[in-house]
Amino acid sequence: MLAVAAISDAQSLYRYHDEHGNWVYTDRRPDSVRDVEEQLLTASAASPEVKVLRRVVDDRVELVADNGCFCPAEVAVRLLEPVNVTGFDPQMKLAVLPAREPTLIATLKPGDHTRLMSFGFEYRALLGEPGVQHAPPEPYRAPFAVAQQFMVTQAYPDQVTHVGPAFRYAVDIAMPVGTQVYAARGGTVIEVASQFFEATADPDRATRANLIRVLHPDGTMSIYAHLNWDSIRVRPGQIIKRGEYIADSGNTGFSSGPHLHFAVQRNAGMMHESLPIVFAGPGGKPVTPKSGTTLVAY
């Protein structure tokens, strides 16, 4: 199982006007509507992946992690039903992978060379290097155009949907679909998902949200989620600056209405942990986001 985004094969998106003149989006062509527009969703912005591969070399088997991401990653590997295997931790092996490089995880050999060695393995990977410290040089920029203002609908300590370490300090900002989203802090784009167009408030039926993940110089990562489909203007590996226009807000994934979900996370050891953030207010003074208050971009 991977903790990174993967873009599926191209698919079609259909849209049409309902009886009230509103646009309706669906992945299935409606039979009862004559005037339907079809658009193709492509996989042009696929994010790199982390893979663990088996390589046979002479009398041994090497497990090699191939990190195609533009950031460090942590991987956990577990052997399944090992028989006559030496050279591996009894339970699980953890390794930190440098960006864009293969890493030798383990070298396995038979304990008894007169018998066959057999095993399977499973793994999962998480973006980010564990143990980094959050050290932004200045408060984060509100992620929309200067002088615009929008309502904060959920922020710490409120945890209506922001349950668990990965979401505790996330900030939800209500804004119309199509609002331009700007980078709150500079860094390297490491993950993009851009092909989703549906939203639901039912967590059991929700698809993934469109998102951008950015790696900052201190090793933390910011996330912009629920973005509008096909609006993302950046690609994995691209370096962006604070205040750069990166996408449009939307209403995709687990969402009850149009809004931007913004969070800063770090790898806390095979789990993402959200971090407290402050935005720049008048004169650059820090402003702590609170539910029910207005956030202004300066």
Protein backbone atom coordinates (compact mmCIF):
# COMPACT_ATOMS: atom_id res chain seq x y z
CA MET A 1 0.00 0.00 0.00
CA LEU A 2 1.38 3.43 -0.95
CA ALA A 3 0.79 6.78 0.81
CA VAL A 4 1.32 8.76 -2.36
CA ALA A 5 -1.10 9.77 -5.05
CA ALA A 6 -1.36 7.77 -8.27
CA ILE A 7 -3.17 9.01 -11.35
CA SER A 8 -5.38 6.46 -13.05
CA ASP A 9 -5.85 5.97 -16.76
CA ALA A 10 -7.66 8.68 -18.71
CA GLN A 11 -11.42 8.82 -18.26
CA SER A 12 -14.32 10.88 -19.55
CA LEU A 13 -16.15 13.63 -17.69
CA TYR A 14 -19.66 14.57 -18.83
CA ARG A 15 -21.47 17.80 -17.99
CA TYR A 16 -24.90 19.16 -18.82
CA HIS A 17 -27.46 21.67 -17.59
CA ASP A 18 -30.28 20.45 -15.37
CA GLU A 19 -33.84 21.80 -15.53
CA HIS A 20 -32.78 24.81 -13.41
CA GLY A 21 -29.84 25.71 -15.63
CA ASN A 22 -27.17 24.44 -13.20
CA TRP A 23 -24.15 22.51 -14.43
CA VAL A 24 -24.15 18.82 -13.50
CA TYR A 25 -20.90 16.79 -13.62
CA THR A 26 -20.79 13.00 -13.85
CA ASP A 27 -18.50 10.19 -14.97
CA ARG A 28 -21.38 8.39 -16.75
CA ARG A 29 -23.09 9.63 -19.90
CA PRO A 30 -26.73 10.40 -19.02
CA ASP A 31 -29.26 8.56 -21.20
CA SER A 32 -32.09 11.08 -20.86
CA VAL A 33 -30.13 14.25 -21.75
CA ARG A 34 -29.43 15.21 -25.35
CA ASP A 35 -27.08 18.19 -24.96
CA VAL A 36 -24.09 16.70 -23.14
CA GLU A 37 -20.47 17.90 -23.22
CA GLU A 38 -17.71 15.30 -22.94
CA GLN A 39 -14.20 16.14 -21.73
CA LEU A 40 -11.24 13.81 -21.29
CA LEU A 41 -9.43 13.67 -17.96
CA THR A 42 -5.80 12.80 -18.61
CA ALA A 43 -3.01 11.58 -16.37
CA SER A 44 -0.57 14.34 -17.31
CA ALA A 45 0.24 15.40 -13.74
CA ALA A 46 0.95 12.01 -12.20
CA SER A 47 2.95 12.07 -8.98
CA PRO A 48 6.05 9.88 -8.68
CA GLU A 49 5.82 6.75 -6.54
CA VAL A 50 7.87 4.79 -4.03
CA LYS A 51 8.31 1.12 -4.98
CA VAL A 52 10.11 -1.77 -3.33
CA LEU A 53 11.54 -4.26 -5.81
CA ARG A 54 13.08 -7.73 -5.51
CA ARG A 55 16.48 -8.20 -7.21
CA VAL A 56 18.28 -11.54 -7.46
CA VAL A 57 22.09 -11.26 -7.33
CA ASP A 58 24.11 -14.51 -7.33
CA ASP A 59 23.22 -16.37 -4.10
CA ARG A 60 21.20 -13.59 -2.51
CA VAL A 61 18.05 -11.55 -2.95
CA GLU A 62 18.16 -7.79 -2.50
CA LEU A 63 15.15 -5.65 -1.61
CA VAL A 64 15.64 -2.24 -3.19
CA ALA A 65 13.41 0.78 -2.64
CA ASP A 66 13.08 3.05 -5.66
CA ASN A 67 12.02 6.52 -4.53
CA GLY A 68 10.75 8.40 -7.58
CA CYS A 69 9.53 11.31 -5.46
CA PHE A 70 11.09 14.76 -5.26
CA CYS A 71 11.44 14.46 -1.50
CA PRO A 72 12.74 12.01 1.09
CA ALA A 73 10.38 9.25 2.08
CA GLU A 74 10.16 6.62 4.80
CA VAL A 75 9.36 3.02 3.97
CA ALA A 76 8.33 0.09 6.16
CA VAL A 77 8.89 -3.43 4.78
CA ARG A 78 7.61 -6.69 6.27
CA LEU A 79 8.37 -10.23 5.13
CA LEU A 80 5.46 -12.61 4.61
CA GLU A 81 5.83 -16.32 5.42
CA PRO A 82 9.63 -16.39 5.24
CA VAL A 83 11.19 -19.82 4.95
CA ASN A 84 14.95 -20.36 5.44
CA VAL A 85 15.65 -16.59 5.28
CA THR A 86 18.42 -14.66 7.04
CA GLY A 87 19.34 -10.97 6.92
CA PHE A 88 16.04 -9.35 7.92
CA ASP A 89 14.54 -7.95 11.10
CA PRO A 90 12.05 -10.36 12.69
CA GLN A 91 9.09 -7.99 12.41
CA MET A 92 9.63 -4.97 10.15
CA LYS A 93 12.42 -2.95 8.63
CA LEU A 94 12.23 0.87 8.46
CA ALA A 95 14.38 2.94 6.12
CA VAL A 96 14.60 6.60 5.13
CA LEU A 97 14.99 7.05 1.39
CA PRO A 98 16.70 10.04 -0.23
CA ALA A 99 14.81 11.80 -3.00
CA ARG A 100 15.04 10.36 -6.52
CA GLU A 101 17.46 7.57 -5.58
CA PRO A 102 17.30 3.78 -5.15
CA THR A 103 18.17 2.48 -1.67
CA LEU A 104 19.18 -1.04 -0.63
CA ILE A 105 16.77 -2.11 2.12
CA ALA A 106 17.99 -5.62 2.88
CA THR A 107 20.15 -8.46 1.57
CA LEU A 108 18.52 -11.85 2.12
CA LYS A 109 20.31 -15.19 2.03
CA PRO A 110 19.28 -18.77 2.81
CA GLY A 111 20.20 -19.91 6.31
CA ASP A 112 20.75 -23.41 4.95
CA HIS A 113 22.22 -23.40 1.45
CA THR A 114 20.96 -26.93 0.82
CA ARG A 115 17.32 -25.78 1.10
CA LEU A 116 15.25 -23.33 -0.89
CA MET A 117 14.63 -19.84 0.43
CA SER A 118 11.14 -18.40 -0.06
CA PHE A 119 9.23 -15.35 1.13
CA GLY A 120 6.77 -12.68 0.13
CA PHE A 121 6.79 -9.08 1.31
CA GLU A 122 4.56 -6.07 1.79
CA TYR A 123 5.43 -2.43 2.27
CA ARG A 124 4.05 1.04 2.69
CA ALA A 125 5.73 4.38 2.19
CA LEU A 126 5.17 7.85 3.58
CA LEU A 127 6.40 11.11 2.10
CA GLY A 128 8.73 13.22 4.22
CA GLU A 129 11.77 12.67 6.41
CA PRO A 130 10.97 11.81 10.04
CA GLY A 131 12.09 14.08 12.87
CA VAL A 132 12.17 17.45 11.09
CA GLN A 133 11.39 20.67 12.99
CA HIS A 134 8.82 23.22 11.83
CA ALA A 135 10.73 26.49 11.39
CA PRO A 136 9.00 28.85 8.93
CA PRO A 137 10.96 32.12 8.50
CA GLU A 138 7.75 34.17 8.67
CA PRO A 139 3.99 33.63 9.12
CA TYR A 140 2.26 31.83 6.28
CA ARG A 141 0.63 33.94 3.59
CA ALA A 142 -3.15 33.56 3.41
CA PRO A 143 -3.57 31.28 0.34
CA PHE A 144 -5.60 33.64 -1.84
CA ALA A 145 -5.23 37.00 -3.58
CA VAL A 146 -4.08 40.06 -1.64
CA ALA A 147 -6.96 42.07 -0.12
CA GLN A 148 -9.42 39.20 -0.49
CA GLN A 149 -11.07 37.87 2.64
CA PHE A 150 -12.86 34.60 3.38
CA MET A 151 -14.43 32.94 6.38
CA VAL A 152 -12.57 30.28 8.35
CA THR A 153 -15.13 27.50 8.86
CA GLN A 154 -12.96 25.07 10.83
CA ALA A 155 -9.71 25.52 12.73
CA TYR A 156 -8.13 24.18 15.90
CA PRO A 157 -9.44 23.47 18.54
CA ASP A 158 -12.64 22.67 16.59
CA GLN A 159 -12.45 19.13 15.19
CA VAL A 160 -15.71 18.45 13.41
CA THR A 161 -14.00 16.61 10.56
CA HIS A 162 -10.36 17.33 11.45
CA VAL A 163 -10.00 14.25 13.62
CA GLY A 164 -6.64 12.64 14.31
CA PRO A 165 -3.01 13.83 14.27
CA ALA A 166 -2.85 14.35 10.49
CA PHE A 167 -5.75 16.82 10.46
CA ARG A 168 -5.88 18.38 13.96
CA TYR A 169 -4.42 21.78 12.99
CA ALA A 170 -5.80 21.95 9.44
CA VAL A 171 -7.71 25.07 8.41
CA ASP A 172 -10.86 25.07 6.25
CA ILE A 173 -11.56 28.30 4.38
CA ALA A 174 -14.92 28.77 2.65
CA MET A 175 -14.51 30.16 -0.87
CA PRO A 176 -16.40 29.88 -4.16
CA VAL A 177 -15.36 27.27 -6.71
CA GLY A 178 -12.81 28.80 -9.07
CA THR A 179 -11.19 31.16 -6.55
CA GLN A 180 -7.49 31.49 -7.30
CA VAL A 181 -5.26 29.74 -4.74
CA TYR A 182 -1.79 31.13 -4.00
CA ALA A 183 1.19 29.45 -2.33
CA ALA A 184 1.32 30.22 1.39
CA ARG A 185 5.04 29.39 1.48
CA GLY A 186 7.68 28.51 -1.09
CA GLY A 187 9.04 25.04 -1.72
CA THR A 188 9.08 22.07 -4.09
CA VAL A 189 5.89 20.46 -5.39
CA ILE A 190 6.05 16.77 -4.46
CA GLU A 191 2.51 15.50 -5.00
CA VAL A 192 -0.40 16.39 -7.26
CA ALA A 193 -3.86 14.88 -7.72
CA SER A 194 -5.96 16.64 -10.31
CA GLN A 195 -8.48 14.32 -11.97
CA PHE A 196 -11.31 14.14 -9.43
CA PHE A 197 -14.50 16.16 -9.85
CA GLU A 198 -17.05 14.76 -7.40
CA ALA A 199 -17.77 15.70 -3.77
CA THR A 200 -19.85 14.16 -1.00
CA ALA A 201 -20.35 14.67 2.73
CA ASP A 202 -20.66 10.89 3.15
CA PRO A 203 -17.19 9.59 4.10
CA ASP A 204 -18.14 6.08 2.96
CA ARG A 205 -18.79 7.30 -0.60
CA ALA A 206 -16.12 9.98 -0.93
CA THR A 207 -13.52 9.85 -3.67
CA ARG A 208 -10.15 11.51 -3.24
CA ALA A 209 -9.86 15.27 -3.32
CA ASN A 210 -7.69 17.10 -5.79
CA LEU A 211 -4.62 18.39 -3.98
CA ILE A 212 -1.14 19.85 -4.08
CA ARG A 213 1.56 18.92 -1.56
CA VAL A 214 4.63 21.17 -1.23
CA LEU A 215 7.90 20.34 0.55
CA HIS A 216 9.44 23.28 2.44
CA PRO A 217 13.16 23.84 3.20
CA ASP A 218 12.69 22.73 6.83
CA GLY A 219 11.30 19.35 5.72
CA THR A 220 7.65 20.06 6.56
CA MET A 221 4.94 19.86 3.89
CA SER A 222 1.91 22.02 3.15
CA ILE A 223 -1.28 20.65 1.61
CA TYR A 224 -3.91 22.44 -0.47
CA ALA A 225 -6.96 20.17 -0.88
CA HIS A 226 -10.46 20.04 -2.45
CA LEU A 227 -9.08 21.91 -5.49
CA ASN A 228 -11.10 22.31 -8.66
CA TRP A 229 -10.58 19.57 -11.24
CA ASP A 230 -8.14 20.31 -14.07
CA SER A 231 -7.12 23.66 -12.53
CA ILE A 232 -3.74 22.78 -11.06
CA ARG A 233 -0.94 24.85 -12.59
CA VAL A 234 2.12 23.10 -11.09
CA ARG A 235 3.79 19.72 -11.46
CA PRO A 236 5.86 17.45 -9.18
CA GLY A 237 9.45 18.68 -9.02
CA GLN A 238 8.54 22.30 -9.73
CA ILE A 239 9.90 24.93 -7.33
CA ILE A 240 7.31 27.53 -6.40
CA LYS A 241 7.53 30.84 -4.57
CA ARG A 242 5.42 32.29 -1.81
CA GLY A 243 2.45 34.07 -3.40
CA GLU A 244 2.55 32.09 -6.67
CA TYR A 245 -0.79 31.21 -8.29
CA ILE A 246 -0.96 27.40 -8.14
CA ALA A 247 -4.59 26.27 -8.63
CA ASP A 248 -8.27 27.12 -8.23
CA SER A 249 -10.34 26.22 -5.20
CA GLY A 250 -13.08 23.65 -5.68
CA ASN A 251 -15.35 21.14 -4.02
CA THR A 252 -13.91 17.64 -4.47
CA GLY A 253 -13.55 14.59 -2.26
CA PHE A 254 -14.97 14.46 1.30
CA SER A 255 -16.57 17.90 1.32
CA SER A 256 -19.95 19.37 2.25
CA GLY A 257 -19.42 22.55 0.22
CA PRO A 258 -16.85 24.62 -1.68
CA HIS A 259 -13.79 25.35 0.46
CA LEU A 260 -10.01 25.14 0.65
CA HIS A 261 -8.43 22.75 3.14
CA PHE A 262 -4.94 23.96 4.11
CA ALA A 263 -2.57 22.19 6.49
CA VAL A 264 1.12 21.86 7.29
CA GLN A 265 2.39 18.40 8.20
CA ARG A 266 5.55 16.51 9.02
CA ASN A 267 6.44 12.83 9.08
CA ALA A 268 6.23 11.83 12.75
CA GLY A 269 7.45 8.29 12.08
CA MET A 270 5.33 6.48 9.45
CA MET A 271 2.45 8.84 10.18
CA HIS A 272 1.72 12.41 9.14
CA GLU A 273 1.25 14.92 11.94
CA SER A 274 -0.33 18.33 11.38
CA LEU A 275 1.31 21.39 12.92
CA PRO A 276 -0.01 24.68 14.35
CA ILE A 277 0.23 27.55 11.85
CA VAL A 278 -0.22 31.31 11.88
CA PHE A 279 -0.95 33.56 8.93
CA ALA A 280 0.49 37.00 8.17
CA GLY A 281 -1.77 39.82 9.30
CA PRO A 282 -1.36 43.61 9.04
CA GLY A 283 2.32 44.52 9.05
CA GLY A 284 3.25 40.84 8.91
CA LYS A 285 2.09 40.22 12.48
CA PRO A 286 0.97 36.63 13.12
CA VAL A 287 -2.75 35.83 13.07
CA THR A 288 -3.99 32.54 14.49
CA PRO A 289 -6.91 31.15 12.42
CA LYS A 290 -10.12 30.64 14.40
CA SER A 291 -13.43 29.13 13.33
CA GLY A 292 -16.02 31.77 12.49
CA THR A 293 -13.51 34.57 11.86
CA THR A 294 -12.52 36.27 8.62
CA LEU A 295 -9.04 35.72 7.19
CA VAL A 296 -7.57 38.51 5.06
CA ALA A 297 -4.62 38.18 2.68
CA TYR A 298 -1.87 40.80 3.05
